[in-house]
């Protein structure tokens, strides 16, 4: 069973999923920057300042929103698929 992504998105106004933008890949709202790009940068060791320098349309709040949404998504998936 999959988590209810529409409900999850309601609580995360900085995140958008639109089939007309990046083929429906979750992005930071108002940009074409996919969440995975921000997460890959963080995982690769980039700090907020480096990400903001490389993606000037992002804000600190956007990066925090990506982290929070990803955490909520993982939690929702885990609760929908208990071991």
N, C-alpha and C. Protein backbone atom coordinates (compact mmCIF):
# COMPACT_ATOMS: atom_id res chain seq x y z
N UNK A 1 0.85 -1.19 0.00
CA UNK A 1 0.00 0.00 0.00
C UNK A 1 0.89 1.25 0.00
N UNK A 2 0.55 2.21 -0.83
CA UNK A 2 1.33 3.45 -0.92
C UNK A 2 0.76 4.52 0.01
N UNK A 3 1.63 5.39 0.53
CA UNK A 3 1.12 6.51 1.32
C UNK A 3 0.31 7.46 0.44
N UNK A 4 -0.53 8.27 1.05
CA UNK A 4 -1.35 9.23 0.33
C UNK A 4 -0.51 10.48 0.04
N UNK A 5 0.07 10.54 -1.14
CA UNK A 5 0.96 11.64 -1.50
C UNK A 5 0.24 12.97 -1.58
N UNK A 6 -0.99 12.96 -2.04
CA UNK A 6 -1.75 14.22 -2.13
C UNK A 6 -1.95 14.83 -0.76
N UNK A 7 -2.27 14.02 0.21
CA UNK A 7 -2.44 14.52 1.58
C UNK A 7 -1.11 15.05 2.11
N UNK A 8 -0.04 14.35 1.83
CA UNK A 8 1.28 14.78 2.27
C UNK A 8 1.66 16.12 1.66
N UNK A 9 1.36 16.30 0.40
CA UNK A 9 1.69 17.56 -0.28
C UNK A 9 0.91 18.74 0.29
N UNK A 10 -0.29 18.50 0.78
CA UNK A 10 -1.10 19.58 1.37
C UNK A 10 -0.37 20.24 2.54
N UNK A 11 0.41 19.47 3.27
CA UNK A 11 1.13 19.97 4.43
C UNK A 11 2.50 20.54 4.08
N UNK A 12 2.85 20.54 2.81
CA UNK A 12 4.17 20.99 2.37
C UNK A 12 4.03 21.94 1.18
N UNK A 13 3.66 23.18 1.44
CA UNK A 13 3.38 24.12 0.35
C UNK A 13 4.58 24.50 -0.50
N UNK A 14 5.78 24.23 -0.05
CA UNK A 14 6.97 24.56 -0.84
C UNK A 14 7.35 23.45 -1.83
N UNK A 15 6.61 22.34 -1.79
CA UNK A 15 6.88 21.21 -2.67
C UNK A 15 5.74 21.08 -3.67
N UNK A 16 6.07 20.81 -4.93
CA UNK A 16 5.02 20.62 -5.92
C UNK A 16 5.31 19.39 -6.77
N UNK A 17 4.22 18.78 -7.21
CA UNK A 17 4.29 17.67 -8.15
C UNK A 17 3.28 18.01 -9.24
N UNK A 18 3.80 18.26 -10.42
CA UNK A 18 2.96 18.66 -11.55
C UNK A 18 3.45 17.91 -12.77
N UNK A 19 2.58 17.12 -13.40
CA UNK A 19 3.02 16.35 -14.56
C UNK A 19 3.57 17.20 -15.70
N UNK A 20 3.23 18.50 -15.70
CA UNK A 20 3.73 19.39 -16.77
C UNK A 20 5.12 19.95 -16.44
N UNK A 21 5.59 19.74 -15.21
CA UNK A 21 6.90 20.25 -14.79
C UNK A 21 7.79 19.07 -14.43
N UNK A 22 8.86 18.91 -15.15
CA UNK A 22 9.83 17.84 -14.92
C UNK A 22 9.15 16.46 -14.89
N UNK A 23 8.10 16.31 -15.70
CA UNK A 23 7.43 15.02 -15.80
C UNK A 23 6.78 14.54 -14.52
N UNK A 24 6.47 15.46 -13.62
CA UNK A 24 5.83 15.08 -12.36
C UNK A 24 6.80 14.76 -11.24
N UNK A 25 8.07 14.96 -11.50
CA UNK A 25 9.08 14.76 -10.45
C UNK A 25 8.85 15.80 -9.35
N UNK A 26 8.84 15.41 -8.09
CA UNK A 26 8.67 16.39 -7.02
C UNK A 26 9.78 17.46 -7.08
N UNK A 27 9.36 18.72 -7.08
CA UNK A 27 10.27 19.86 -7.19
C UNK A 27 9.98 20.87 -6.10
N UNK A 28 10.94 21.75 -5.89
CA UNK A 28 10.70 22.91 -5.05
C UNK A 28 9.74 23.80 -5.83
N UNK A 29 8.65 24.17 -5.19
CA UNK A 29 7.60 24.94 -5.86
C UNK A 29 8.17 26.22 -6.46
N UNK A 30 7.75 26.52 -7.69
CA UNK A 30 8.18 27.73 -8.38
C UNK A 30 9.54 27.59 -9.05
N UNK A 31 10.12 26.39 -8.98
CA UNK A 31 11.40 26.13 -9.63
C UNK A 31 11.26 24.84 -10.43
N UNK A 32 12.28 24.52 -11.15
CA UNK A 32 12.36 23.23 -11.83
C UNK A 32 13.45 22.40 -11.17
N UNK A 33 13.66 22.66 -9.88
CA UNK A 33 14.71 21.96 -9.14
C UNK A 33 14.08 20.77 -8.41
N UNK A 34 14.39 19.55 -8.86
CA UNK A 34 13.85 18.37 -8.20
C UNK A 34 14.40 18.21 -6.78
N UNK A 35 13.59 17.61 -5.93
CA UNK A 35 14.02 17.37 -4.55
C UNK A 35 15.28 16.53 -4.51
N UNK A 36 15.37 15.54 -5.41
CA UNK A 36 16.54 14.67 -5.37
C UNK A 36 17.83 15.44 -5.62
N UNK A 37 17.78 16.52 -6.36
CA UNK A 37 19.00 17.32 -6.60
C UNK A 37 19.48 17.94 -5.30
N UNK A 38 18.55 18.49 -4.53
CA UNK A 38 18.91 19.08 -3.24
C UNK A 38 19.44 18.01 -2.31
N UNK A 39 18.74 16.87 -2.24
CA UNK A 39 19.17 15.79 -1.36
C UNK A 39 20.51 15.22 -1.78
N UNK A 40 20.73 15.06 -3.09
CA UNK A 40 22.03 14.56 -3.58
C UNK A 40 23.16 15.51 -3.19
N UNK A 41 22.89 16.81 -3.26
CA UNK A 41 23.91 17.79 -2.87
C UNK A 41 24.23 17.68 -1.39
N UNK A 42 23.20 17.54 -0.57
CA UNK A 42 23.41 17.39 0.88
C UNK A 42 24.17 16.10 1.17
N UNK A 43 23.76 15.02 0.53
CA UNK A 43 24.42 13.74 0.74
C UNK A 43 25.88 13.79 0.29
N UNK A 44 26.14 14.58 -0.73
CA UNK A 44 27.49 14.72 -1.24
C UNK A 44 28.38 15.64 -0.41
N UNK A 45 27.82 16.20 0.64
CA UNK A 45 28.62 17.01 1.55
C UNK A 45 28.45 18.51 1.39
N UNK A 46 27.61 18.94 0.45
CA UNK A 46 27.39 20.38 0.29
C UNK A 46 26.62 20.92 1.49
N UNK A 47 26.98 22.12 1.91
CA UNK A 47 26.22 22.76 2.98
C UNK A 47 25.19 23.70 2.34
N UNK A 48 24.35 24.29 3.19
CA UNK A 48 23.29 25.15 2.67
C UNK A 48 23.86 26.27 1.80
N UNK A 49 24.94 26.89 2.24
CA UNK A 49 25.52 28.00 1.50
C UNK A 49 25.95 27.59 0.10
N UNK A 50 26.55 26.43 -0.01
CA UNK A 50 27.00 25.94 -1.32
C UNK A 50 25.80 25.65 -2.23
N UNK A 51 24.77 25.07 -1.66
CA UNK A 51 23.57 24.78 -2.46
C UNK A 51 22.93 26.08 -2.93
N UNK A 52 22.83 27.05 -2.03
CA UNK A 52 22.23 28.34 -2.39
C UNK A 52 23.05 29.06 -3.45
N UNK A 53 24.36 28.89 -3.40
CA UNK A 53 25.22 29.50 -4.40
C UNK A 53 25.01 28.84 -5.77
N UNK A 54 24.87 27.52 -5.77
CA UNK A 54 24.69 26.77 -7.02
C UNK A 54 23.27 26.87 -7.58
N UNK A 55 22.32 27.11 -6.70
CA UNK A 55 20.90 27.20 -7.10
C UNK A 55 20.31 28.46 -6.49
N UNK A 56 20.60 29.62 -7.07
CA UNK A 56 20.22 30.90 -6.46
C UNK A 56 18.72 31.14 -6.33
N UNK A 57 17.90 30.35 -7.01
CA UNK A 57 16.45 30.52 -6.85
C UNK A 57 15.94 29.87 -5.57
N UNK A 58 16.77 29.05 -4.93
CA UNK A 58 16.38 28.40 -3.67
C UNK A 58 16.61 29.32 -2.48
N UNK A 59 15.88 29.05 -1.43
CA UNK A 59 16.08 29.73 -0.14
C UNK A 59 16.42 28.68 0.91
N UNK A 60 16.88 29.14 2.05
CA UNK A 60 17.12 28.23 3.17
C UNK A 60 15.85 27.46 3.54
N UNK A 61 14.73 28.18 3.51
CA UNK A 61 13.46 27.56 3.84
C UNK A 61 13.10 26.46 2.84
N UNK A 62 13.46 26.66 1.58
CA UNK A 62 13.23 25.62 0.57
C UNK A 62 14.03 24.36 0.90
N UNK A 63 15.29 24.53 1.26
CA UNK A 63 16.13 23.38 1.59
C UNK A 63 15.57 22.66 2.81
N UNK A 64 15.19 23.42 3.82
CA UNK A 64 14.58 22.79 5.00
C UNK A 64 13.29 22.06 4.63
N UNK A 65 12.51 22.64 3.73
CA UNK A 65 11.26 22.01 3.30
C UNK A 65 11.53 20.69 2.58
N UNK A 66 12.57 20.65 1.77
CA UNK A 66 12.94 19.41 1.08
C UNK A 66 13.29 18.33 2.10
N UNK A 67 14.08 18.70 3.09
CA UNK A 67 14.47 17.73 4.13
C UNK A 67 13.24 17.25 4.89
N UNK A 68 12.39 18.19 5.30
CA UNK A 68 11.20 17.83 6.07
C UNK A 68 10.24 16.96 5.26
N UNK A 69 9.99 17.34 4.01
CA UNK A 69 9.10 16.55 3.15
C UNK A 69 9.66 15.14 2.98
N UNK A 70 10.95 15.03 2.74
CA UNK A 70 11.57 13.72 2.53
C UNK A 70 11.44 12.86 3.78
N UNK A 71 11.61 13.46 4.93
CA UNK A 71 11.46 12.74 6.19
C UNK A 71 10.02 12.27 6.37
N UNK A 72 9.07 13.14 6.08
CA UNK A 72 7.65 12.77 6.20
C UNK A 72 7.28 11.68 5.20
N UNK A 73 7.83 11.77 4.01
CA UNK A 73 7.57 10.76 2.98
C UNK A 73 8.10 9.40 3.43
N UNK A 74 9.30 9.38 3.96
CA UNK A 74 9.88 8.12 4.45
C UNK A 74 9.05 7.56 5.59
N UNK A 75 8.61 8.42 6.48
CA UNK A 75 7.78 7.99 7.60
C UNK A 75 6.44 7.44 7.11
N UNK A 76 5.81 8.14 6.16
CA UNK A 76 4.53 7.69 5.63
C UNK A 76 4.68 6.35 4.93
N UNK A 77 5.76 6.18 4.19
CA UNK A 77 6.00 4.92 3.50
C UNK A 77 6.20 3.79 4.51
N UNK A 78 6.96 4.07 5.55
CA UNK A 78 7.23 3.06 6.58
C UNK A 78 5.95 2.65 7.28
N UNK A 79 5.09 3.64 7.61
CA UNK A 79 3.84 3.31 8.30
C UNK A 79 2.85 2.60 7.38
N UNK A 80 2.94 2.87 6.08
CA UNK A 80 2.05 2.19 5.13
C UNK A 80 2.53 0.78 4.81
N UNK A 81 3.81 0.50 5.08
CA UNK A 81 4.41 -0.78 4.76
C UNK A 81 5.16 -1.36 5.95
N UNK A 82 4.47 -1.64 7.06
CA UNK A 82 5.18 -2.15 8.23
C UNK A 82 5.83 -3.50 7.94
N UNK A 83 6.96 -3.71 8.58
CA UNK A 83 7.71 -4.97 8.37
C UNK A 83 7.00 -6.14 8.99
